[in-house]
Amino acid sequence: MEYDQIFTICYLFNEKGEVLLQKKARGFGQGKWNGPGGKKEKGETPEESMLREIWEETGVRLNSWEMRGELEFIFNATKQHFFSYVYISCNWSGEPKDRGEGEIKWFKPTEIPLPKMWDDDQYWLLDLLSGKQIKMRFYFDKDNKITDYKILK
């Protein structure tokens, strides 16, 4: 399947079991909390993209990671079709800091700000963070709200 854009996201865990989220400073999704990440560039593998994006956005180098999810996003109003690989990492080096992409903050898994995130996150994020593999497709309306979703095999 052909996508308009491919993204990578990585959720970092610290030694307290907290998750690092970033409040997007500009562009598509501005003001929403999400895991750090971004657009895959031409010629990059998903892992290369994820490692580059994490470094650019937080100053952190990942030592190990695990791919936990594949998400498709269909925006009916704009006819856009996006795909995202979702990773987690508990083994990284450096001190995460905002490098101009948006505020970063550690959250306890029980305090994830779902109402301030993308509408689809309520359907999968907590499962992913608790160790499950996720493969889903989401359909959005003109207001970026979910109209339907499917669990994929």
N, C-alpha and C. Protein backbone atom coordinates (compact mmCIF):
# COMPACT_ATOMS: atom_id res chain seq x y z
N MET A 1 0.84 -1.18 0.00
CA MET A 1 0.00 0.00 0.00
C MET A 1 0.89 1.25 0.00
N GLU A 2 0.45 2.26 -0.70
CA GLU A 2 1.21 3.50 -0.77
C GLU A 2 0.66 4.51 0.24
N TYR A 3 1.57 5.15 0.95
CA TYR A 3 1.20 6.12 1.97
C TYR A 3 1.69 7.50 1.56
N ASP A 4 0.96 8.53 1.98
CA ASP A 4 1.39 9.90 1.74
C ASP A 4 2.62 10.23 2.56
N GLN A 5 2.70 9.65 3.75
CA GLN A 5 3.85 9.89 4.62
C GLN A 5 3.99 8.73 5.59
N ILE A 6 5.24 8.39 5.92
CA ILE A 6 5.53 7.37 6.93
C ILE A 6 6.23 8.06 8.09
N PHE A 7 5.80 7.71 9.30
CA PHE A 7 6.33 8.30 10.52
C PHE A 7 6.91 7.23 11.42
N THR A 8 7.73 7.65 12.37
CA THR A 8 8.19 6.78 13.45
C THR A 8 7.98 7.53 14.76
N ILE A 9 7.62 6.78 15.79
CA ILE A 9 7.43 7.33 17.14
C ILE A 9 8.15 6.38 18.09
N CYS A 10 8.77 6.93 19.13
CA CYS A 10 9.38 6.08 20.14
C CYS A 10 9.04 6.62 21.53
N TYR A 11 8.51 5.74 22.35
CA TYR A 11 8.18 6.07 23.73
C TYR A 11 9.34 5.60 24.61
N LEU A 12 9.99 6.56 25.28
CA LEU A 12 11.09 6.25 26.19
C LEU A 12 10.56 6.05 27.59
N PHE A 13 11.09 5.05 28.27
CA PHE A 13 10.78 4.80 29.68
C PHE A 13 12.01 5.11 30.51
N ASN A 14 11.81 5.75 31.67
CA ASN A 14 12.93 5.98 32.59
C ASN A 14 12.94 4.88 33.66
N GLU A 15 13.89 5.00 34.59
CA GLU A 15 14.04 3.97 35.64
C GLU A 15 12.86 3.92 36.60
N LYS A 16 12.04 4.97 36.63
CA LYS A 16 10.84 4.98 37.48
C LYS A 16 9.62 4.40 36.76
N GLY A 17 9.80 4.00 35.50
CA GLY A 17 8.67 3.48 34.72
C GLY A 17 7.82 4.57 34.09
N GLU A 18 8.32 5.82 34.11
CA GLU A 18 7.59 6.93 33.50
C GLU A 18 7.87 6.96 32.00
N VAL A 19 6.97 7.58 31.25
CA VAL A 19 7.04 7.65 29.79
C VAL A 19 7.29 9.10 29.37
N LEU A 20 8.21 9.29 28.44
CA LEU A 20 8.52 10.63 27.94
C LEU A 20 7.56 10.98 26.80
N LEU A 21 6.88 12.11 26.95
CA LEU A 21 6.01 12.63 25.89
C LEU A 21 6.48 14.02 25.51
N GLN A 22 6.10 14.41 24.30
CA GLN A 22 6.48 15.71 23.77
C GLN A 22 5.23 16.44 23.28
N LYS A 23 5.13 17.71 23.63
CA LYS A 23 4.01 18.55 23.18
C LYS A 23 4.46 19.27 21.91
N LYS A 24 3.92 18.87 20.80
CA LYS A 24 4.36 19.38 19.49
C LYS A 24 4.24 20.89 19.41
N ALA A 25 5.34 21.54 19.04
CA ALA A 25 5.41 23.01 19.04
C ALA A 25 4.80 23.66 17.80
N ARG A 26 4.77 22.92 16.67
CA ARG A 26 4.27 23.53 15.43
C ARG A 26 3.87 22.45 14.43
N GLY A 27 3.21 22.88 13.39
CA GLY A 27 2.85 21.98 12.31
C GLY A 27 1.66 21.08 12.64
N PHE A 28 1.52 20.02 11.88
CA PHE A 28 0.43 19.06 12.03
C PHE A 28 0.48 18.45 13.42
N GLY A 29 -0.59 18.57 14.18
CA GLY A 29 -0.63 18.06 15.54
C GLY A 29 -0.11 19.04 16.58
N GLN A 30 0.09 20.30 16.19
CA GLN A 30 0.59 21.31 17.13
C GLN A 30 -0.26 21.34 18.39
N GLY A 31 0.42 21.34 19.55
CA GLY A 31 -0.25 21.41 20.84
C GLY A 31 -0.65 20.07 21.42
N LYS A 32 -0.50 19.00 20.66
CA LYS A 32 -0.85 17.66 21.15
C LYS A 32 0.39 16.98 21.73
N TRP A 33 0.17 16.21 22.79
CA TRP A 33 1.23 15.38 23.37
C TRP A 33 1.34 14.11 22.55
N ASN A 34 2.57 13.63 22.38
CA ASN A 34 2.82 12.41 21.63
C ASN A 34 4.20 11.91 22.01
N GLY A 35 4.53 10.72 21.58
CA GLY A 35 5.90 10.25 21.74
C GLY A 35 6.78 11.00 20.76
N PRO A 36 8.06 11.23 21.08
CA PRO A 36 8.95 11.88 20.14
C PRO A 36 9.07 11.06 18.86
N GLY A 37 9.21 11.75 17.76
CA GLY A 37 9.35 11.07 16.47
C GLY A 37 9.05 12.02 15.34
N GLY A 38 8.95 11.46 14.15
CA GLY A 38 8.67 12.31 13.01
C GLY A 38 8.69 11.56 11.71
N LYS A 39 8.84 12.30 10.63
CA LYS A 39 8.75 11.76 9.28
C LYS A 39 9.99 10.97 8.89
N LYS A 40 9.73 9.85 8.25
CA LYS A 40 10.80 9.04 7.67
C LYS A 40 11.25 9.72 6.38
N GLU A 41 12.56 9.87 6.24
CA GLU A 41 13.11 10.49 5.05
C GLU A 41 13.38 9.43 3.99
N LYS A 42 13.38 9.85 2.74
CA LYS A 42 13.64 8.94 1.63
C LYS A 42 14.98 8.25 1.82
N GLY A 43 14.99 6.94 1.64
CA GLY A 43 16.21 6.15 1.78
C GLY A 43 16.50 5.64 3.18
N GLU A 44 15.78 6.14 4.17
CA GLU A 44 15.97 5.67 5.54
C GLU A 44 15.14 4.41 5.80
N THR A 45 15.66 3.54 6.64
CA THR A 45 14.83 2.46 7.17
C THR A 45 13.99 3.07 8.30
N PRO A 46 12.91 2.39 8.70
CA PRO A 46 12.15 2.91 9.85
C PRO A 46 13.02 3.08 11.10
N GLU A 47 13.92 2.13 11.37
CA GLU A 47 14.77 2.24 12.55
C GLU A 47 15.73 3.42 12.45
N GLU A 48 16.32 3.64 11.27
CA GLU A 48 17.20 4.80 11.09
C GLU A 48 16.43 6.10 11.32
N SER A 49 15.22 6.16 10.82
CA SER A 49 14.38 7.34 11.01
C SER A 49 14.09 7.58 12.48
N MET A 50 13.70 6.52 13.17
CA MET A 50 13.37 6.63 14.60
C MET A 50 14.59 7.09 15.40
N LEU A 51 15.75 6.51 15.14
CA LEU A 51 16.96 6.89 15.87
C LEU A 51 17.33 8.35 15.60
N ARG A 52 17.24 8.78 14.34
CA ARG A 52 17.53 10.17 13.99
C ARG A 52 16.56 11.13 14.65
N GLU A 53 15.26 10.81 14.56
CA GLU A 53 14.24 11.69 15.13
C GLU A 53 14.39 11.82 16.65
N ILE A 54 14.64 10.73 17.34
CA ILE A 54 14.82 10.78 18.80
C ILE A 54 16.01 11.67 19.15
N TRP A 55 17.11 11.51 18.42
CA TRP A 55 18.28 12.35 18.67
C TRP A 55 17.96 13.82 18.40
N GLU A 56 17.37 14.11 17.25
CA GLU A 56 17.08 15.50 16.88
C GLU A 56 16.12 16.18 17.87
N GLU A 57 15.13 15.43 18.34
CA GLU A 57 14.09 16.04 19.18
C GLU A 57 14.41 16.05 20.67
N THR A 58 15.23 15.09 21.14
CA THR A 58 15.47 14.99 22.59
C THR A 58 16.94 14.97 22.99
N GLY A 59 17.86 14.76 22.06
CA GLY A 59 19.27 14.66 22.40
C GLY A 59 19.64 13.33 23.02
N VAL A 60 18.78 12.34 22.89
CA VAL A 60 19.00 11.02 23.49
C VAL A 60 19.46 10.03 22.41
N ARG A 61 20.39 9.17 22.77
CA ARG A 61 20.83 8.07 21.90
C ARG A 61 20.26 6.77 22.46
N LEU A 62 19.61 6.01 21.61
CA LEU A 62 19.03 4.74 22.05
C LEU A 62 20.08 3.64 21.98
N ASN A 63 20.16 2.83 23.03
CA ASN A 63 21.06 1.68 23.07
C ASN A 63 20.34 0.42 22.59
N SER A 64 19.07 0.34 22.88
CA SER A 64 18.25 -0.77 22.38
C SER A 64 16.80 -0.30 22.33
N TRP A 65 15.98 -0.98 21.56
CA TRP A 65 14.59 -0.61 21.36
C TRP A 65 13.82 -1.81 20.86
N GLU A 66 12.52 -1.67 20.87
CA GLU A 66 11.65 -2.74 20.39
C GLU A 66 10.52 -2.11 19.59
N MET A 67 10.27 -2.66 18.41
CA MET A 67 9.14 -2.20 17.60
C MET A 67 7.89 -2.85 18.18
N ARG A 68 6.91 -2.03 18.57
CA ARG A 68 5.71 -2.52 19.25
C ARG A 68 4.43 -2.31 18.46
N GLY A 69 4.46 -1.45 17.43
CA GLY A 69 3.20 -1.18 16.76
C GLY A 69 3.34 -0.69 15.34
N GLU A 70 2.25 -0.91 14.59
CA GLU A 70 2.10 -0.38 13.25
C GLU A 70 0.71 0.22 13.18
N LEU A 71 0.65 1.50 12.81
CA LEU A 71 -0.62 2.21 12.79
C LEU A 71 -0.84 2.86 11.44
N GLU A 72 -2.07 2.75 10.95
CA GLU A 72 -2.46 3.44 9.71
C GLU A 72 -3.48 4.51 10.08
N PHE A 73 -3.35 5.67 9.44
CA PHE A 73 -4.24 6.79 9.70
C PHE A 73 -4.82 7.27 8.37
N ILE A 74 -6.12 7.23 8.25
CA ILE A 74 -6.79 7.68 7.04
C ILE A 74 -7.63 8.90 7.39
N PHE A 75 -7.26 10.03 6.79
CA PHE A 75 -7.97 11.29 7.00
C PHE A 75 -8.90 11.49 5.81
N ASN A 76 -10.17 11.15 6.00
CA ASN A 76 -11.13 11.16 4.90
C ASN A 76 -11.30 12.54 4.27
N ALA A 77 -11.31 13.60 5.06
CA ALA A 77 -11.56 14.94 4.53
C ALA A 77 -10.46 15.40 3.58
N THR A 78 -9.22 15.05 3.88
CA THR A 78 -8.10 15.49 3.06
C THR A 78 -7.57 14.38 2.15
N LYS A 79 -8.16 13.20 2.25
CA LYS A 79 -7.74 12.04 1.44
C LYS A 79 -6.27 11.67 1.69
N GLN A 80 -5.79 11.91 2.91
CA GLN A 80 -4.41 11.57 3.25
C GLN A 80 -4.38 10.22 3.97
N HIS A 81 -3.32 9.48 3.71
CA HIS A 81 -3.14 8.15 4.28
C HIS A 81 -1.71 8.07 4.84
N PHE A 82 -1.61 8.01 6.16
CA PHE A 82 -0.32 7.98 6.83
C PHE A 82 -0.10 6.63 7.50
N PHE A 83 1.16 6.31 7.75
CA PHE A 83 1.55 5.08 8.43
C PHE A 83 2.59 5.43 9.48
N SER A 84 2.54 4.75 10.62
CA SER A 84 3.53 4.99 11.67
C SER A 84 4.02 3.69 12.28
N TYR A 85 5.33 3.58 12.42
CA TYR A 85 5.95 2.51 13.20
C TYR A 85 6.10 3.05 14.62
N VAL A 86 5.76 2.23 15.61
CA VAL A 86 5.82 2.69 17.00
C VAL A 86 6.80 1.80 17.77
N TYR A 87 7.75 2.46 18.44
CA TYR A 87 8.79 1.78 19.19
C TYR A 87 8.73 2.17 20.66
N ILE A 88 9.40 1.36 21.48
CA ILE A 88 9.65 1.72 22.87
C ILE A 88 11.13 1.50 23.15
N SER A 89 11.65 2.21 24.15
CA SER A 89 13.02 2.00 24.59
C SER A 89 13.12 2.25 26.09
N CYS A 90 13.77 1.32 26.76
CA CYS A 90 14.07 1.46 28.19
C CYS A 90 15.58 1.62 28.40
N ASN A 91 16.33 1.57 27.30
CA ASN A 91 17.78 1.57 27.37
C ASN A 91 18.32 2.66 26.44
N TRP A 92 18.64 3.80 27.02
CA TRP A 92 19.08 4.95 26.24
C TRP A 92 20.10 5.75 27.04
N SER A 93 20.81 6.64 26.36
CA SER A 93 21.85 7.45 26.99
C SER A 93 21.58 8.93 26.73
N GLY A 94 21.89 9.75 27.72
CA GLY A 94 21.72 11.18 27.58
C GLY A 94 20.62 11.69 28.49
N GLU A 95 20.48 13.00 28.52
CA GLU A 95 19.44 13.65 29.33
C GLU A 95 18.45 14.27 28.37
N PRO A 96 17.22 13.73 28.30
CA PRO A 96 16.25 14.28 27.36
C PRO A 96 15.98 15.77 27.60
N LYS A 97 15.99 16.52 26.50
CA LYS A 97 15.69 17.95 26.61
C LYS A 97 14.98 18.40 25.33
N ASP A 98 14.21 19.46 25.44
CA ASP A 98 13.53 20.05 24.29
C ASP A 98 14.58 20.71 23.41
N ARG A 99 14.66 20.24 22.18
CA ARG A 99 15.62 20.81 21.23
C ARG A 99 14.91 21.61 20.15
N GLY A 100 13.79 22.24 20.54
CA GLY A 100 13.08 23.10 19.62
C GLY A 100 11.84 22.50 18.98
N GLU A 101 11.59 21.22 19.25
CA GLU A 101 10.43 20.56 18.65
C GLU A 101 9.20 20.59 19.55
N GLY A 102 9.39 20.93 20.81
CA GLY A 102 8.27 21.00 21.74
C GLY A 102 8.66 20.55 23.14
N GLU A 103 7.91 21.04 24.10
CA GLU A 103 8.11 20.70 25.51
C GLU A 103 8.12 19.19 25.69
N ILE A 104 9.03 18.70 26.52
CA ILE A 104 9.04 17.28 26.86
C ILE A 104 8.80 17.13 28.35
N LYS A 105 8.16 16.02 28.70
CA LYS A 105 7.80 15.80 30.11
C LYS A 105 7.62 14.30 30.35
N TRP A 106 8.02 13.87 31.55
CA TRP A 106 7.83 12.48 31.97
C TRP A 106 6.44 12.33 32.59
N PHE A 107 5.74 11.27 32.23
CA PHE A 107 4.41 10.97 32.76
C PHE A 107 4.38 9.56 33.33
N LYS A 108 3.73 9.42 34.49
CA LYS A 108 3.43 8.08 34.99
C LYS A 108 2.41 7.46 34.03
N PRO A 109 2.49 6.15 33.77
CA PRO A 109 1.52 5.53 32.85
C PRO A 109 0.06 5.78 33.25
N THR A 110 -0.20 5.96 34.53
CA THR A 110 -1.58 6.21 34.98
C THR A 110 -1.99 7.68 34.80
N GLU A 111 -1.04 8.53 34.39
CA GLU A 111 -1.33 9.96 34.22
C GLU A 111 -1.10 10.45 32.79
N ILE A 112 -1.12 9.54 31.84
CA ILE A 112 -0.97 9.91 30.42
C ILE A 112 -2.12 10.86 30.06
N PRO A 113 -1.82 12.02 29.45
CA PRO A 113 -2.87 13.02 29.16
C PRO A 113 -3.66 12.71 27.88
N LEU A 114 -4.36 11.59 27.86
CA LEU A 114 -5.08 11.17 26.65
C LEU A 114 -5.98 12.24 26.04
N PRO A 115 -6.71 13.05 26.83
CA PRO A 115 -7.55 14.09 26.22
C PRO A 115 -6.75 15.16 25.46
N LYS A 116 -5.44 15.24 25.72
CA LYS A 116 -4.60 16.25 25.06
C LYS A 116 -3.70 15.61 23.99
N MET A 117 -4.09 14.40 23.56
CA MET A 117 -3.32 13.67 22.56
C MET A 117 -4.20 13.44 21.34
N TRP A 118 -3.65 12.80 20.33
CA TRP A 118 -4.46 12.45 19.16
C TRP A 118 -5.61 11.55 19.60
N ASP A 119 -6.74 11.69 18.96
CA ASP A 119 -7.95 10.96 19.32
C ASP A 119 -7.75 9.44 19.31
N ASP A 120 -6.92 8.93 18.40
CA ASP A 120 -6.70 7.48 18.30
C ASP A 120 -5.96 6.90 19.49
N ASP A 121 -5.15 7.71 20.19
CA ASP A 121 -4.32 7.20 21.28
C ASP A 121 -5.12 6.49 22.36
N GLN A 122 -6.34 6.93 22.59
CA GLN A 122 -7.18 6.29 23.62
C GLN A 122 -7.47 4.83 23.31
N TYR A 123 -7.34 4.43 22.06
CA TYR A 123 -7.68 3.07 21.64
C TYR A 123 -6.51 2.09 21.70
N TRP A 124 -5.28 2.60 21.83
CA TRP A 124 -4.14 1.69 21.76
C TRP A 124 -2.96 2.02 22.68
N LEU A 125 -2.76 3.27 23.03
CA LEU A 125 -1.51 3.66 23.70
C LEU A 125 -1.27 2.94 25.02
N LEU A 126 -2.26 2.87 25.87
CA LEU A 126 -2.04 2.22 27.18
C LEU A 126 -1.74 0.74 27.02
N ASP A 127 -2.38 0.08 26.05
CA ASP A 127 -2.06 -1.33 25.77
C ASP A 127 -0.62 -1.48 25.30
N LEU A 128 -0.19 -0.61 24.40
CA LEU A 128 1.18 -0.66 23.90
C LEU A 128 2.18 -0.45 25.04
N LEU A 129 1.92 0.56 25.88
CA LEU A 129 2.85 0.86 26.97
C LEU A 129 2.89 -0.25 28.01
N SER A 130 1.84 -1.06 28.09
CA SER A 130 1.83 -2.17 29.05
C SER A 130 2.40 -3.46 28.46
N GLY A 131 2.91 -3.40 27.22
CA GLY A 131 3.62 -4.53 26.67
C GLY A 131 2.99 -5.21 25.47
N LYS A 132 1.83 -4.79 25.06
CA LYS A 132 1.16 -5.44 23.93
C LYS A 132 1.67 -4.92 22.59
N GLN A 133 1.58 -5.78 21.59
CA GLN A 133 1.84 -5.40 20.21
C GLN A 133 0.55 -4.83 19.63
N ILE A 134 0.67 -3.77 18.83
CA ILE A 134 -0.51 -3.08 18.30
C ILE A 134 -0.39 -3.01 16.78
N LYS A 135 -1.49 -3.32 16.09
CA LYS A 135 -1.56 -3.14 14.65
C LYS A 135 -3.00 -2.73 14.34
N MET A 136 -3.19 -1.43 14.01
CA MET A 136 -4.54 -0.88 13.86
C MET A 136 -4.61 0.13 12.72
N ARG A 137 -5.83 0.35 12.25
CA ARG A 137 -6.12 1.37 11.23
C ARG A 137 -7.20 2.27 11.79
N PHE A 138 -7.00 3.59 11.62
CA PHE A 138 -7.94 4.59 12.13
C PHE A 138 -8.43 5.48 11.01
N TYR A 139 -9.70 5.84 11.09
CA TYR A 139 -10.33 6.74 10.13
C TYR A 139 -10.73 8.01 10.88
N PHE A 140 -10.35 9.17 10.33
CA PHE A 140 -10.60 10.46 10.97
C PHE A 140 -11.55 11.30 10.13
N ASP A 141 -12.33 12.14 10.82
CA ASP A 141 -13.20 13.10 10.12
C ASP A 141 -12.46 14.42 9.94
N LYS A 142 -13.15 15.43 9.45
CA LYS A 142 -12.53 16.74 9.16
C LYS A 142 -12.01 17.43 10.42
N ASP A 143 -12.49 17.05 11.60
CA ASP A 143 -12.04 17.63 12.87
C ASP A 143 -10.98 16.77 13.55
N ASN A 144 -10.44 15.80 12.81
CA ASN A 144 -9.42 14.87 13.32
C ASN A 144 -9.92 14.03 14.49
N LYS A 145 -11.20 13.69 14.45
CA LYS A 145 -11.80 12.78 15.44
C LYS A 145 -12.02 11.43 14.77
N ILE A 146 -11.93 10.37 15.55
CA ILE A 146 -12.09 9.01 15.03
C ILE A 146 -13.54 8.77 14.61
N THR A 147 -13.71 8.25 13.39
CA THR A 147 -15.04 7.84 12.93
C THR A 147 -15.16 6.32 12.94
N ASP A 148 -14.02 5.63 12.84
CA ASP A 148 -14.01 4.17 12.84
C ASP A 148 -12.57 3.70 13.03
N TYR A 149 -12.42 2.47 13.46
CA TYR A 149 -11.08 1.88 13.55
C TYR A 149 -11.18 0.37 13.37
N LYS A 150 -10.05 -0.23 13.00
CA LYS A 150 -9.97 -1.68 12.80
C LYS A 150 -8.70 -2.19 13.45
N ILE A 151 -8.82 -3.36 14.06
CA ILE A 151 -7.64 -4.06 14.56
C ILE A 151 -7.17 -4.95 13.41
N LEU A 152 -5.91 -4.84 13.04
CA LEU A 152 -5.37 -5.58 11.90
C LEU A 152 -4.56 -6.78 12.41
N LYS A 153 -4.48 -7.77 11.59
CA LYS A 153 -3.70 -8.98 11.94
C LYS A 153 -2.32 -8.90 11.34
